């Protein structure tokens, strides 16, 4: 494919993903309400304490795996570097609930 065709495919793929995210977020409220009202589903959140424990435990597992597997370590290090900026963004991205 030509560079122009490649760019067109890239733009179309990105647009498709953005459309999918927007569509699925738009329909979730209705589906959640139906599950609550028709199926008795109870939506719950993890406590901050439980999430902190999951994070602590995952970091321990990731450290162990990083020591055993160089590829895992590379991916994990790359993710942690990305996560620094993502954490900053996500702490300011949404209004408090």
Protein backbone atom coordinates (compact mmCIF):
# COMPACT_ATOMS: atom_id res chain seq x y z
CA UNK A 1 0.00 0.00 0.00
CA UNK A 2 1.07 3.54 -0.59
CA UNK A 3 1.84 5.85 2.34
CA UNK A 4 -1.46 7.64 1.71
CA UNK A 5 -3.40 4.36 1.80
CA UNK A 6 -1.59 3.34 5.00
CA UNK A 7 -2.50 6.66 6.61
CA UNK A 8 -6.12 6.25 5.53
CA UNK A 9 -6.28 2.79 7.12
CA UNK A 10 -4.66 4.12 10.32
CA UNK A 11 -7.16 7.00 10.56
CA UNK A 12 -10.10 4.68 9.88
CA UNK A 13 -8.94 2.23 12.56
CA UNK A 14 -8.52 5.00 15.11
CA UNK A 15 -11.95 6.41 14.26
CA UNK A 16 -13.48 2.95 14.63
CA UNK A 17 -11.93 2.49 18.08
CA UNK A 18 -13.07 5.96 19.21
CA UNK A 19 -16.58 5.24 17.94
CA UNK A 20 -16.62 1.89 19.75
CA UNK A 21 -15.58 3.50 23.05
CA UNK A 22 -18.21 6.24 22.70
CA UNK A 23 -20.93 3.75 21.76
CA UNK A 24 -20.23 1.27 24.54
CA UNK A 25 -20.03 4.00 27.19
CA UNK A 26 -23.32 5.44 25.92
CA UNK A 27 -25.19 2.14 26.30
CA UNK A 28 -23.80 1.00 29.65
CA UNK A 29 -26.21 3.00 31.83
CA UNK A 30 -29.27 1.41 30.24
CA UNK A 31 -27.78 -2.08 30.51
CA UNK A 32 -26.80 -1.51 34.14
CA UNK A 33 -30.29 -0.25 34.98
CA UNK A 34 -31.88 -3.30 33.31
CA UNK A 35 -29.58 -5.63 35.24
CA UNK A 36 -30.49 -3.92 38.51
CA UNK A 37 -34.24 -3.78 37.89
CA UNK A 38 -34.80 -7.06 36.02
CA UNK A 39 -32.08 -9.32 37.38
CA UNK A 40 -31.46 -7.99 40.87
CA UNK A 41 -27.81 -7.16 40.18
CA UNK A 42 -26.15 -5.12 42.90
CA UNK A 43 -23.32 -2.92 41.63
CA UNK A 44 -20.52 -2.55 44.13
CA UNK A 45 -17.09 -0.92 44.36
CA UNK A 46 -13.91 -2.22 45.95
CA UNK A 47 -12.91 -0.35 49.09
CA UNK A 48 -9.80 1.86 48.98
CA UNK A 49 -8.16 -0.52 51.45
CA UNK A 50 -8.83 -3.56 49.25
CA UNK A 51 -7.57 -1.78 46.13
CA UNK A 52 -4.42 -0.75 48.00
CA UNK A 53 -3.87 -4.38 49.03
CA UNK A 54 -4.36 -5.57 45.43
CA UNK A 55 -1.87 -2.97 44.20
CA UNK A 56 0.70 -3.87 46.87
CA UNK A 57 0.34 -7.58 46.13
CA UNK A 58 0.53 -7.08 42.37
CA UNK A 59 3.70 -5.00 42.76
CA UNK A 60 5.25 -7.86 44.77
CA UNK A 61 4.30 -10.40 42.09
CA UNK A 62 5.58 -8.10 39.33
CA UNK A 63 8.91 -7.68 41.14
CA UNK A 64 9.26 -11.46 41.45
CA UNK A 65 8.41 -11.99 37.78
CA UNK A 66 10.78 -9.19 36.73
CA UNK A 67 13.62 -10.96 38.53
CA UNK A 68 12.88 -14.20 36.62
CA UNK A 69 11.93 -12.96 33.16
CA UNK A 70 13.83 -10.21 31.28
CA UNK A 71 10.97 -9.64 28.83
CA UNK A 72 8.46 -9.26 31.68
CA UNK A 73 10.86 -6.80 33.33
CA UNK A 74 11.12 -4.73 30.15
CA UNK A 75 7.34 -4.57 29.73
CA UNK A 76 6.79 -3.87 33.43
CA UNK A 77 9.42 -1.10 33.46
CA UNK A 78 7.86 0.47 30.36
CA UNK A 79 4.41 0.30 31.93
CA UNK A 80 5.59 1.87 35.18
CA UNK A 81 7.17 4.74 33.26
CA UNK A 82 3.90 5.28 31.37
CA UNK A 83 1.90 4.98 34.58
CA UNK A 84 3.69 7.94 36.19
CA UNK A 85 2.14 10.35 33.69
CA UNK A 86 -1.15 8.46 33.59
CA UNK A 87 -1.49 8.66 37.38
CA UNK A 88 -0.97 12.40 37.24
CA UNK A 89 -3.54 12.76 34.46
CA UNK A 90 -6.12 10.49 36.06
CA UNK A 91 -5.87 12.30 39.40
CA UNK A 92 -7.04 15.50 37.65
CA UNK A 93 -9.10 14.18 34.74
CA UNK A 94 -12.48 13.76 36.36
CA UNK A 95 -14.53 15.73 38.85
CA UNK A 96 -14.77 14.18 42.34
CA UNK A 97 -17.67 11.81 42.87
